[in-house]
Amino acid sequence: MPAGSKKAVYAALAANLAIALTKFVAAGLSGSSAMWSEGIHSLVDSGNQALLLYGMRRAQRPPDARFPFGYGKEVYFWSFVVALLVFATGAGLSLYEGVRHLREPAEITNPYVNYLVLAIAMAMEGGSWLVTYREFGRRRGDGSLVDAVRRGKDPTVIAVLFEDSAALAGLLVAAIGVALFHLTGNAVYDGAASIVIGLLLAATALWLAFETKGLLIGEAANREVVAEITRIAKRYPEVEGVNEVLTMHVGPEYILAALSLNIARDVPRNRAHAVMDELDETLKKTDPRLKRVFIESQTQLH
């Protein structure tokens, strides 16, 4: 597992634990629904990052008889669990708090405490977001942000980036809700802010679940990887054609590949096997993520 992924998750965990504590203190002092929702949001995010770290550690276990290709997909499983928790716990509780405060409005007794906490939280959350975005940008290349998310194979970085982005948006919504309540005295704004935060979390969870689902099921490597495998295979004069290249991500840094080749009929059997052995070695050197490569020839060798 890349060190940058762990760095991003640890930074997010540290920030969210500190932020959750300050938000709950502010909510207790002021009675703000939006601040309670934000505190719940940060607490859920902290638990999520702990689960991601747990999944990353378990994914590093070596292959065994039961799981001959290793445990890399544990990362995908726990990332999917995180998406479910964000949706069920974070979004659900925020929506509940918002509706409850709309039905039973409560006064914000000390809004300036909320302003101070929100400013601190934005600074800390922004720092965590910057660490994650830099790690994501390092892998992103020249493509667009949406395309990079769609093509990304490390759900831990994507999960933290989604959560931090939703957290910053939620903090902005909470600040607007508290400010409008403070200016107008209308509790509807505070409750509505909590509902908007819940909807933001729900949208984040659904997007994260969608992105993780493909990897959990067995998503193929990006088109560039498949094209490079095909190009290298065709460099051998003995290979008349590449019938099929099947790939699957077993983990963010682990690709399983299966190739079907047409080797010329006049190539001796021992040379054909030597070509396949050389191709296997070349592919693994070209892309270290190709941990296991299976090659078969459709030609009847002699």
Protein backbone atom coordinates (compact mmCIF):
# COMPACT_ATOMS: atom_id res chain seq x y z
CA MET A 1 0.00 0.00 0.00
CA PRO A 2 1.50 3.40 -1.00
CA ALA A 3 2.86 5.43 1.91
CA GLY A 4 1.03 8.50 0.59
CA SER A 5 -2.32 6.79 1.10
CA LYS A 6 -1.59 6.13 4.76
CA LYS A 7 -0.33 9.68 5.23
CA ALA A 8 -3.59 11.08 3.86
CA VAL A 9 -5.71 8.83 6.09
CA TYR A 10 -3.68 9.58 9.23
CA ALA A 11 -3.88 13.33 8.56
CA ALA A 12 -7.65 13.10 8.12
CA LEU A 13 -8.07 10.99 11.28
CA ALA A 14 -6.08 13.38 13.46
CA ALA A 15 -7.94 16.40 12.10
CA ASN A 16 -11.40 14.87 12.48
CA LEU A 17 -10.87 13.72 16.07
CA ALA A 18 -9.80 17.21 17.11
CA ILE A 19 -12.57 18.86 15.11
CA ALA A 20 -15.28 16.54 16.45
CA LEU A 21 -14.36 17.40 20.04
CA THR A 22 -14.44 21.16 19.44
CA LYS A 23 -17.74 20.94 17.53
CA PHE A 24 -19.48 18.99 20.29
CA VAL A 25 -18.22 21.47 22.91
CA ALA A 26 -19.54 24.35 20.79
CA ALA A 27 -22.88 22.59 20.22
CA GLY A 28 -23.25 21.96 23.95
CA LEU A 29 -22.52 25.60 24.78
CA SER A 30 -24.71 27.10 22.05
CA GLY A 31 -27.44 24.53 21.36
CA SER A 32 -26.95 24.73 17.59
CA SER A 33 -28.45 21.89 15.53
CA ALA A 34 -26.02 22.50 12.68
CA MET A 35 -23.08 22.22 15.06
CA TRP A 36 -24.42 18.94 16.46
CA SER A 37 -24.69 17.62 12.90
CA GLU A 38 -21.17 18.77 12.12
CA GLY A 39 -19.89 17.10 15.29
CA ILE A 40 -21.59 13.85 14.28
CA HIS A 41 -20.12 14.26 10.79
CA SER A 42 -16.57 14.59 12.12
CA LEU A 43 -17.02 11.69 14.56
CA VAL A 44 -18.30 9.43 11.77
CA ASP A 45 -15.39 10.50 9.56
CA SER A 46 -12.95 9.59 12.35
CA GLY A 47 -14.44 6.11 12.59
CA ASN A 48 -14.30 5.81 8.83
CA GLN A 49 -10.61 6.64 8.69
CA ALA A 50 -9.93 4.08 11.43
CA LEU A 51 -11.73 1.46 9.29
CA LEU A 52 -9.69 2.46 6.23
CA LEU A 53 -6.46 2.04 8.18
CA TYR A 54 -7.69 -1.35 9.39
CA GLY A 55 -8.48 -2.40 5.83
CA MET A 56 -5.09 -1.18 4.57
CA ARG A 57 -3.31 -3.22 7.25
CA ARG A 58 -5.28 -6.40 6.51
CA ALA A 59 -4.74 -5.98 2.76
CA GLN A 60 -0.99 -6.34 3.27
CA ARG A 61 -1.26 -9.95 4.45
CA PRO A 62 0.54 -12.41 2.16
CA PRO A 63 -1.34 -14.91 -0.04
CA ASP A 64 -2.29 -18.25 1.46
CA ALA A 65 -4.11 -21.43 0.44
CA ARG A 66 -7.54 -19.85 0.96
CA PHE A 67 -6.72 -16.58 -0.79
CA PRO A 68 -3.99 -17.42 -3.33
CA PHE A 69 -4.02 -13.91 -4.84
CA GLY A 70 -3.72 -12.20 -1.47
CA TYR A 71 -6.00 -9.93 0.53
CA GLY A 72 -5.76 -6.73 -1.53
CA LYS A 73 -9.53 -6.49 -1.97
CA GLU A 74 -9.92 -5.94 1.78
CA VAL A 75 -9.22 -2.27 1.02
CA TYR A 76 -12.17 -2.20 -1.37
CA PHE A 77 -14.48 -3.95 1.10
CA TRP A 78 -13.75 -1.57 3.97
CA SER A 79 -14.03 1.44 1.66
CA PHE A 80 -17.51 0.23 0.72
CA VAL A 81 -18.35 -0.19 4.42
CA VAL A 82 -17.20 3.41 4.96
CA ALA A 83 -19.59 4.58 2.23
CA LEU A 84 -22.47 2.76 3.95
CA LEU A 85 -21.57 4.28 7.31
CA VAL A 86 -21.39 7.79 5.88
CA PHE A 87 -24.85 7.30 4.37
CA ALA A 88 -26.54 5.52 7.28
CA THR A 89 -24.90 7.22 10.26
CA GLY A 90 -23.61 10.59 9.11
CA ALA A 91 -26.39 11.51 6.70
CA GLY A 92 -29.14 9.82 8.70
CA LEU A 93 -28.32 11.50 12.02
CA SER A 94 -27.80 14.90 10.40
CA LEU A 95 -31.17 14.70 8.67
CA TYR A 96 -32.79 13.58 11.92
CA GLU A 97 -31.24 16.46 13.87
CA GLY A 98 -32.33 18.94 11.23
CA VAL A 99 -35.95 17.76 11.15
CA ARG A 100 -36.09 17.60 14.96
CA HIS A 101 -34.89 21.19 15.29
CA LEU A 102 -37.35 22.37 12.66
CA ARG A 103 -40.19 20.81 14.65
CA GLU A 104 -38.80 21.88 18.04
CA PRO A 105 -36.74 25.06 17.48
CA ALA A 106 -34.07 25.84 20.07
CA GLU A 107 -32.22 29.09 20.70
CA ILE A 108 -28.53 29.47 19.93
CA THR A 109 -27.31 31.03 23.15
CA ASN A 110 -23.71 31.82 22.18
CA PRO A 111 -23.23 31.99 18.40
CA TYR A 112 -19.73 33.47 18.68
CA VAL A 113 -18.48 30.15 20.07
CA ASN A 114 -19.77 28.49 16.90
CA TYR A 115 -18.03 31.05 14.70
CA LEU A 116 -14.72 30.43 16.47
CA VAL A 117 -15.05 26.64 16.28
CA LEU A 118 -16.10 26.75 12.64
CA ALA A 119 -13.07 28.88 11.77
CA ILE A 120 -10.74 26.46 13.59
CA ALA A 121 -12.43 23.47 11.97
CA MET A 122 -12.13 24.99 8.49
CA ALA A 123 -8.41 25.56 9.01
CA MET A 124 -7.81 22.01 10.26
CA GLU A 125 -10.08 20.38 7.69
CA GLY A 126 -8.48 22.46 4.97
CA GLY A 127 -5.03 21.22 6.00
CA SER A 128 -6.21 17.60 5.86
CA TRP A 129 -7.87 18.21 2.49
CA LEU A 130 -4.68 19.75 1.10
CA VAL A 131 -2.58 16.72 2.13
CA THR A 132 -5.07 14.36 0.48
CA TYR A 133 -5.49 16.48 -2.65
CA ARG A 134 -1.73 16.64 -3.17
CA GLU A 135 -1.49 12.84 -2.90
CA PHE A 136 -4.44 12.48 -5.27
CA GLY A 137 -2.96 15.05 -7.66
CA ARG A 138 0.35 13.19 -7.71
CA ARG A 139 -1.46 10.16 -9.18
CA ARG A 140 -3.95 12.12 -11.24
CA GLY A 141 -1.68 13.12 -14.09
CA ASP A 142 -3.03 15.52 -16.71
CA GLY A 143 -6.65 14.32 -16.74
CA SER A 144 -9.65 16.08 -15.25
CA LEU A 145 -10.61 15.63 -11.59
CA VAL A 146 -13.77 13.65 -12.41
CA ASP A 147 -11.89 11.40 -14.83
CA ALA A 148 -9.14 10.83 -12.26
CA VAL A 149 -11.71 9.79 -9.64
CA ARG A 150 -13.37 7.43 -12.12
CA ARG A 151 -10.03 5.89 -13.14
CA GLY A 152 -8.51 5.82 -9.65
CA LYS A 153 -7.84 2.39 -8.15
CA ASP A 154 -6.99 3.41 -4.57
CA PRO A 155 -10.32 3.96 -2.78
CA THR A 156 -8.66 5.07 0.47
CA VAL A 157 -7.43 8.34 -1.04
CA ILE A 158 -10.72 8.83 -2.91
CA ALA A 159 -12.74 8.19 0.27
CA VAL A 160 -10.73 10.70 2.31
CA LEU A 161 -10.87 13.26 -0.50
CA PHE A 162 -14.66 12.88 -0.76
CA GLU A 163 -15.10 13.08 3.01
CA ASP A 164 -12.86 16.13 3.41
CA SER A 165 -14.57 17.90 0.51
CA ALA A 166 -17.99 17.17 2.00
CA ALA A 167 -16.71 18.31 5.40
CA LEU A 168 -15.55 21.68 4.04
CA ALA A 169 -18.87 22.16 2.25
CA GLY A 170 -20.71 21.17 5.44
CA LEU A 171 -18.74 23.67 7.50
CA LEU A 172 -19.65 26.42 5.07
CA VAL A 173 -23.34 25.44 5.24
CA ALA A 174 -23.20 25.31 9.05
CA ALA A 175 -21.60 28.76 9.19
CA ILE A 176 -24.32 30.19 6.92
CA GLY A 177 -27.07 28.54 9.01
CA VAL A 178 -25.69 29.83 12.30
CA ALA A 179 -25.13 33.33 10.87
CA LEU A 180 -28.67 33.57 9.45
CA PHE A 181 -30.14 32.34 12.74
CA HIS A 182 -28.01 34.87 14.60
CA LEU A 183 -29.08 37.73 12.33
CA THR A 184 -32.79 36.89 12.00
CA GLY A 185 -33.58 34.90 15.13
CA ASN A 186 -35.33 32.33 12.92
CA ALA A 187 -34.43 28.76 13.98
CA VAL A 188 -35.49 27.41 10.59
CA TYR A 189 -32.10 28.37 9.16
CA ASP A 190 -30.19 26.31 11.71
CA GLY A 191 -32.35 23.22 11.20
CA ALA A 192 -32.27 23.65 7.42
CA ALA A 193 -28.46 23.83 7.51
CA SER A 194 -28.41 20.48 9.31
CA ILE A 195 -30.64 18.95 6.63
CA VAL A 196 -28.42 20.30 3.84
CA ILE A 197 -25.37 18.80 5.60
CA GLY A 198 -27.20 15.46 5.73
CA LEU A 199 -27.95 15.64 2.00
CA LEU A 200 -24.31 16.46 1.26
CA LEU A 201 -23.21 13.41 3.21
CA ALA A 202 -25.78 11.21 1.47
CA ALA A 203 -24.57 12.36 -1.97
CA THR A 204 -20.93 11.78 -0.94
CA ALA A 205 -21.72 8.28 0.34
CA LEU A 206 -23.60 7.28 -2.80
CA TRP A 207 -20.80 8.49 -5.08
CA LEU A 208 -18.16 6.74 -2.99
CA ALA A 209 -20.18 3.51 -2.96
CA PHE A 210 -20.57 3.67 -6.74
CA GLU A 211 -16.84 4.21 -7.28
CA THR A 212 -15.88 1.42 -4.86
CA LYS A 213 -18.41 -1.14 -6.14
CA GLY A 214 -16.58 -1.76 -9.43
CA LEU A 215 -13.27 -2.36 -7.66
CA LEU A 216 -14.92 -4.71 -5.18
CA ILE A 217 -16.53 -6.77 -7.95
CA GLY A 218 -13.35 -6.96 -10.04
CA GLU A 219 -12.71 -3.86 -12.14
CA ALA A 220 -10.20 -4.04 -14.99
CA ALA A 221 -7.01 -2.00 -15.16
CA ASN A 222 -7.14 1.28 -17.06
CA ARG A 223 -7.11 1.21 -20.86
CA GLU A 224 -3.51 2.46 -20.97
CA VAL A 225 -2.32 -0.59 -19.01
CA VAL A 226 -4.11 -2.98 -21.38
CA ALA A 227 -2.77 -1.10 -24.42
CA GLU A 228 0.80 -1.29 -23.08
CA ILE A 229 0.48 -5.05 -22.45
CA THR A 230 -0.77 -5.52 -26.02
CA ARG A 231 2.01 -3.34 -27.46
CA ILE A 232 4.76 -5.24 -25.63
CA ALA A 233 3.32 -8.62 -26.68
CA LYS A 234 3.22 -7.59 -30.34
CA ARG A 235 6.91 -6.65 -30.30
CA TYR A 236 7.81 -10.32 -30.48
CA PRO A 237 8.03 -11.49 -34.11
CA GLU A 238 6.78 -14.92 -33.05
CA VAL A 239 3.45 -13.39 -31.92
CA GLU A 240 1.07 -13.06 -34.87
CA GLY A 241 -1.69 -11.48 -32.84
CA VAL A 242 -3.09 -10.77 -29.38
CA ASN A 243 -6.55 -12.28 -29.04
CA GLU A 244 -7.47 -11.03 -25.60
CA VAL A 245 -6.05 -9.20 -22.60
CA LEU A 246 -8.02 -9.64 -19.38
CA THR A 247 -7.02 -7.68 -16.29
CA MET A 248 -8.35 -7.22 -12.78
CA HIS A 249 -7.27 -5.09 -9.83
CA VAL A 250 -6.74 -7.37 -6.85
CA GLY A 251 -5.56 -4.29 -4.94
CA PRO A 252 -4.53 -0.69 -5.71
CA GLU A 253 -0.98 -1.84 -6.52
CA TYR A 254 -1.77 -5.40 -7.64
CA ILE A 255 -2.99 -6.23 -11.16
CA LEU A 256 -3.78 -9.73 -12.35
CA ALA A 257 -3.46 -10.20 -16.14
CA ALA A 258 -4.36 -13.05 -18.50
CA LEU A 259 -3.22 -12.98 -22.15
CA SER A 260 -4.31 -15.06 -25.11
CA LEU A 261 -1.80 -15.01 -28.01
CA ASN A 262 -1.53 -16.36 -31.53
CA ILE A 263 1.98 -17.68 -31.96
CA ALA A 264 3.14 -18.55 -35.49
CA ARG A 265 2.68 -22.24 -36.31
CA ASP A 266 6.27 -22.66 -37.48
CA VAL A 267 7.69 -21.56 -34.11
CA PRO A 268 9.14 -24.55 -32.20
CA ARG A 269 7.45 -25.39 -28.91
CA ASN A 270 10.53 -24.61 -26.81
CA ARG A 271 10.90 -21.17 -28.44
CA ALA A 272 7.22 -20.45 -27.96
CA HIS A 273 7.51 -21.20 -24.23
CA ALA A 274 10.65 -19.05 -24.05
CA VAL A 275 8.74 -16.15 -25.66
CA MET A 276 5.95 -16.46 -23.10
CA ASP A 277 8.45 -16.56 -20.22
CA GLU A 278 10.28 -13.50 -21.57
CA LEU A 279 6.99 -11.65 -22.06
CA ASP A 280 5.94 -12.44 -18.50
CA GLU A 281 9.21 -11.03 -17.14
CA THR A 282 9.13 -7.95 -19.38
CA LEU A 283 5.56 -7.05 -18.41
CA LYS A 284 6.31 -7.27 -14.70
CA LYS A 285 9.40 -5.09 -15.10
CA THR A 286 7.51 -2.53 -17.19
CA ASP A 287 4.65 -2.20 -14.69
CA PRO A 288 5.44 -3.43 -11.13
CA ARG A 289 1.70 -3.58 -10.40
CA LEU A 290 1.47 -6.62 -12.68
CA LYS A 291 2.12 -9.17 -9.96
CA ARG A 292 0.66 -12.23 -11.71
CA VAL A 293 0.55 -12.77 -15.49
CA PHE A 294 -0.97 -15.83 -17.17
CA ILE A 295 -0.22 -16.38 -20.87
CA GLU A 296 -1.70 -18.97 -23.19
CA SER A 297 -1.27 -19.65 -26.91
CA GLN A 298 -4.27 -20.41 -29.09
CA THR A 299 -1.97 -21.89 -31.75
CA GLN A 300 -1.32 -25.62 -31.82
CA LEU A 301 2.40 -25.75 -31.07
CA HIS A 302 4.69 -28.44 -32.39
